[in-house]
Amino acid sequence: MYAIDLTKSQVENLIEFFEVNFIRSVREDDGIDNMAYIVDMCHIYTKLKNAKEKSDGKN
């Protein structure tokens, strides 16, 4: 397991990327053919959302 520190804006920007661009990116890249990659990226998105909620005091 790796641990990294991200600023609030970095977390927010990554969340925005996932919400706005990730699905389109997967659709347009015919080289993405691994379901494990999609699952990993979804877990990253979930962790980012949880970290933001915790930081915002919603958890």
N, C-alpha and C. Protein backbone atom coordinates (compact mmCIF):
# COMPACT_ATOMS: atom_id res chain seq x y z
N MET A 1 0.85 -1.17 0.00
CA MET A 1 0.00 0.00 0.00
C MET A 1 0.89 1.23 0.00
N TYR A 2 0.47 2.23 -0.74
CA TYR A 2 1.17 3.51 -0.80
C TYR A 2 0.32 4.57 -0.13
N ALA A 3 0.97 5.53 0.45
CA ALA A 3 0.26 6.67 1.04
C ALA A 3 0.82 7.93 0.42
N ILE A 4 -0.06 8.81 -0.01
CA ILE A 4 0.36 10.09 -0.58
C ILE A 4 -0.46 11.20 0.05
N ASP A 5 0.12 12.37 0.07
CA ASP A 5 -0.59 13.54 0.56
C ASP A 5 -1.03 14.37 -0.64
N LEU A 6 -2.29 14.74 -0.65
CA LEU A 6 -2.82 15.59 -1.71
C LEU A 6 -3.44 16.83 -1.09
N THR A 7 -3.32 17.94 -1.79
CA THR A 7 -3.98 19.15 -1.32
C THR A 7 -5.47 19.05 -1.62
N LYS A 8 -6.23 19.93 -1.00
CA LYS A 8 -7.67 19.95 -1.24
C LYS A 8 -7.97 20.16 -2.73
N SER A 9 -7.25 21.08 -3.35
CA SER A 9 -7.52 21.35 -4.77
C SER A 9 -7.14 20.15 -5.65
N GLN A 10 -6.10 19.42 -5.27
CA GLN A 10 -5.72 18.23 -6.04
C GLN A 10 -6.82 17.17 -5.97
N VAL A 11 -7.35 16.97 -4.77
CA VAL A 11 -8.45 16.00 -4.61
C VAL A 11 -9.66 16.45 -5.42
N GLU A 12 -10.01 17.70 -5.31
CA GLU A 12 -11.17 18.22 -6.05
C GLU A 12 -10.98 18.11 -7.55
N ASN A 13 -9.77 18.40 -8.03
CA ASN A 13 -9.50 18.30 -9.47
C ASN A 13 -9.56 16.86 -9.96
N LEU A 14 -9.06 15.93 -9.16
CA LEU A 14 -9.15 14.52 -9.55
C LEU A 14 -10.59 14.04 -9.57
N ILE A 15 -11.37 14.44 -8.58
CA ILE A 15 -12.78 14.07 -8.55
C ILE A 15 -13.48 14.62 -9.79
N GLU A 16 -13.18 15.88 -10.12
CA GLU A 16 -13.80 16.49 -11.30
C GLU A 16 -13.40 15.74 -12.57
N PHE A 17 -12.14 15.33 -12.67
CA PHE A 17 -11.72 14.55 -13.84
C PHE A 17 -12.56 13.28 -13.96
N PHE A 18 -12.69 12.56 -12.86
CA PHE A 18 -13.47 11.33 -12.89
C PHE A 18 -14.91 11.60 -13.31
N GLU A 19 -15.50 12.62 -12.74
CA GLU A 19 -16.92 12.89 -13.00
C GLU A 19 -17.17 13.43 -14.40
N VAL A 20 -16.23 14.16 -14.96
CA VAL A 20 -16.46 14.81 -16.25
C VAL A 20 -15.82 14.04 -17.41
N ASN A 21 -14.64 13.48 -17.20
CA ASN A 21 -13.87 12.96 -18.32
C ASN A 21 -13.60 11.46 -18.33
N PHE A 22 -13.71 10.81 -17.20
CA PHE A 22 -13.25 9.42 -17.14
C PHE A 22 -14.02 8.49 -18.07
N ILE A 23 -15.32 8.54 -18.04
CA ILE A 23 -16.12 7.62 -18.87
C ILE A 23 -15.84 7.87 -20.35
N ARG A 24 -15.77 9.14 -20.74
CA ARG A 24 -15.47 9.45 -22.14
C ARG A 24 -14.07 8.94 -22.51
N SER A 25 -13.14 9.11 -21.60
CA SER A 25 -11.77 8.65 -21.84
C SER A 25 -11.74 7.14 -22.07
N VAL A 26 -12.47 6.40 -21.29
CA VAL A 26 -12.53 4.94 -21.45
C VAL A 26 -13.19 4.58 -22.78
N ARG A 27 -14.27 5.26 -23.11
CA ARG A 27 -14.98 4.96 -24.37
C ARG A 27 -14.10 5.22 -25.59
N GLU A 28 -13.31 6.29 -25.52
CA GLU A 28 -12.52 6.69 -26.68
C GLU A 28 -11.19 5.95 -26.80
N ASP A 29 -10.77 5.25 -25.78
CA ASP A 29 -9.48 4.55 -25.80
C ASP A 29 -9.72 3.06 -26.00
N ASP A 30 -9.59 2.61 -27.24
CA ASP A 30 -9.84 1.19 -27.51
C ASP A 30 -8.74 0.29 -26.95
N GLY A 31 -7.71 0.88 -26.36
CA GLY A 31 -6.66 0.09 -25.73
C GLY A 31 -7.00 -0.34 -24.32
N ILE A 32 -8.06 0.25 -23.76
CA ILE A 32 -8.48 -0.14 -22.42
C ILE A 32 -9.38 -1.36 -22.56
N ASP A 33 -8.85 -2.50 -22.20
CA ASP A 33 -9.59 -3.75 -22.35
C ASP A 33 -9.48 -4.61 -21.10
N ASN A 34 -9.22 -3.96 -19.98
CA ASN A 34 -8.99 -4.68 -18.74
C ASN A 34 -9.98 -4.20 -17.68
N MET A 35 -10.87 -5.05 -17.29
CA MET A 35 -11.88 -4.69 -16.30
C MET A 35 -11.25 -4.33 -14.96
N ALA A 36 -10.14 -4.96 -14.62
CA ALA A 36 -9.46 -4.66 -13.35
C ALA A 36 -9.02 -3.19 -13.30
N TYR A 37 -8.62 -2.64 -14.45
CA TYR A 37 -8.25 -1.22 -14.52
C TYR A 37 -9.45 -0.35 -14.16
N ILE A 38 -10.59 -0.65 -14.74
CA ILE A 38 -11.81 0.13 -14.47
C ILE A 38 -12.17 0.04 -12.99
N VAL A 39 -12.11 -1.14 -12.43
CA VAL A 39 -12.43 -1.34 -11.01
C VAL A 39 -11.47 -0.55 -10.13
N ASP A 40 -10.17 -0.63 -10.44
CA ASP A 40 -9.18 0.13 -9.66
C ASP A 40 -9.47 1.62 -9.72
N MET A 41 -9.77 2.13 -10.90
CA MET A 41 -10.05 3.56 -11.04
C MET A 41 -11.32 3.95 -10.27
N CYS A 42 -12.31 3.09 -10.25
CA CYS A 42 -13.53 3.35 -9.48
C CYS A 42 -13.22 3.38 -7.98
N HIS A 43 -12.35 2.51 -7.53
CA HIS A 43 -11.95 2.52 -6.12
C HIS A 43 -11.20 3.80 -5.77
N ILE A 44 -10.35 4.26 -6.68
CA ILE A 44 -9.64 5.52 -6.45
C ILE A 44 -10.65 6.65 -6.32
N TYR A 45 -11.61 6.70 -7.23
CA TYR A 45 -12.66 7.74 -7.18
C TYR A 45 -13.39 7.70 -5.84
N THR A 46 -13.75 6.52 -5.39
CA THR A 46 -14.45 6.37 -4.11
C THR A 46 -13.59 6.87 -2.96
N LYS A 47 -12.32 6.53 -2.97
CA LYS A 47 -11.42 6.98 -1.91
C LYS A 47 -11.28 8.50 -1.92
N LEU A 48 -11.20 9.08 -3.09
CA LEU A 48 -11.12 10.54 -3.19
C LEU A 48 -12.38 11.20 -2.64
N LYS A 49 -13.54 10.67 -3.02
CA LYS A 49 -14.81 11.22 -2.53
C LYS A 49 -14.90 11.11 -1.01
N ASN A 50 -14.50 9.97 -0.47
CA ASN A 50 -14.52 9.78 0.99
C ASN A 50 -13.57 10.73 1.68
N ALA A 51 -12.38 10.92 1.12
CA ALA A 51 -11.41 11.84 1.72
C ALA A 51 -11.95 13.27 1.70
N LYS A 52 -12.60 13.66 0.61
CA LYS A 52 -13.17 15.01 0.52
C LYS A 52 -14.28 15.19 1.54
N GLU A 53 -15.15 14.20 1.66
CA GLU A 53 -16.25 14.29 2.62
C GLU A 53 -15.71 14.37 4.05
N LYS A 54 -14.70 13.58 4.34
CA LYS A 54 -14.09 13.59 5.67
C LYS A 54 -13.46 14.96 5.94
N SER A 55 -12.76 15.48 4.95
CA SER A 55 -12.12 16.79 5.09
C SER A 55 -13.14 17.91 5.25
N ASP A 56 -14.28 17.76 4.56
CA ASP A 56 -15.34 18.76 4.64
C ASP A 56 -16.18 18.61 5.90
N GLY A 57 -15.89 17.59 6.72
CA GLY A 57 -16.63 17.37 7.95
C GLY A 57 -17.96 16.68 7.78
N LYS A 58 -18.15 16.00 6.63
CA LYS A 58 -19.42 15.32 6.38
C LYS A 58 -19.39 13.87 6.80
N ASN A 59 -18.32 13.43 7.40
CA ASN A 59 -18.22 12.03 7.77
C ASN A 59 -17.93 11.87 9.23
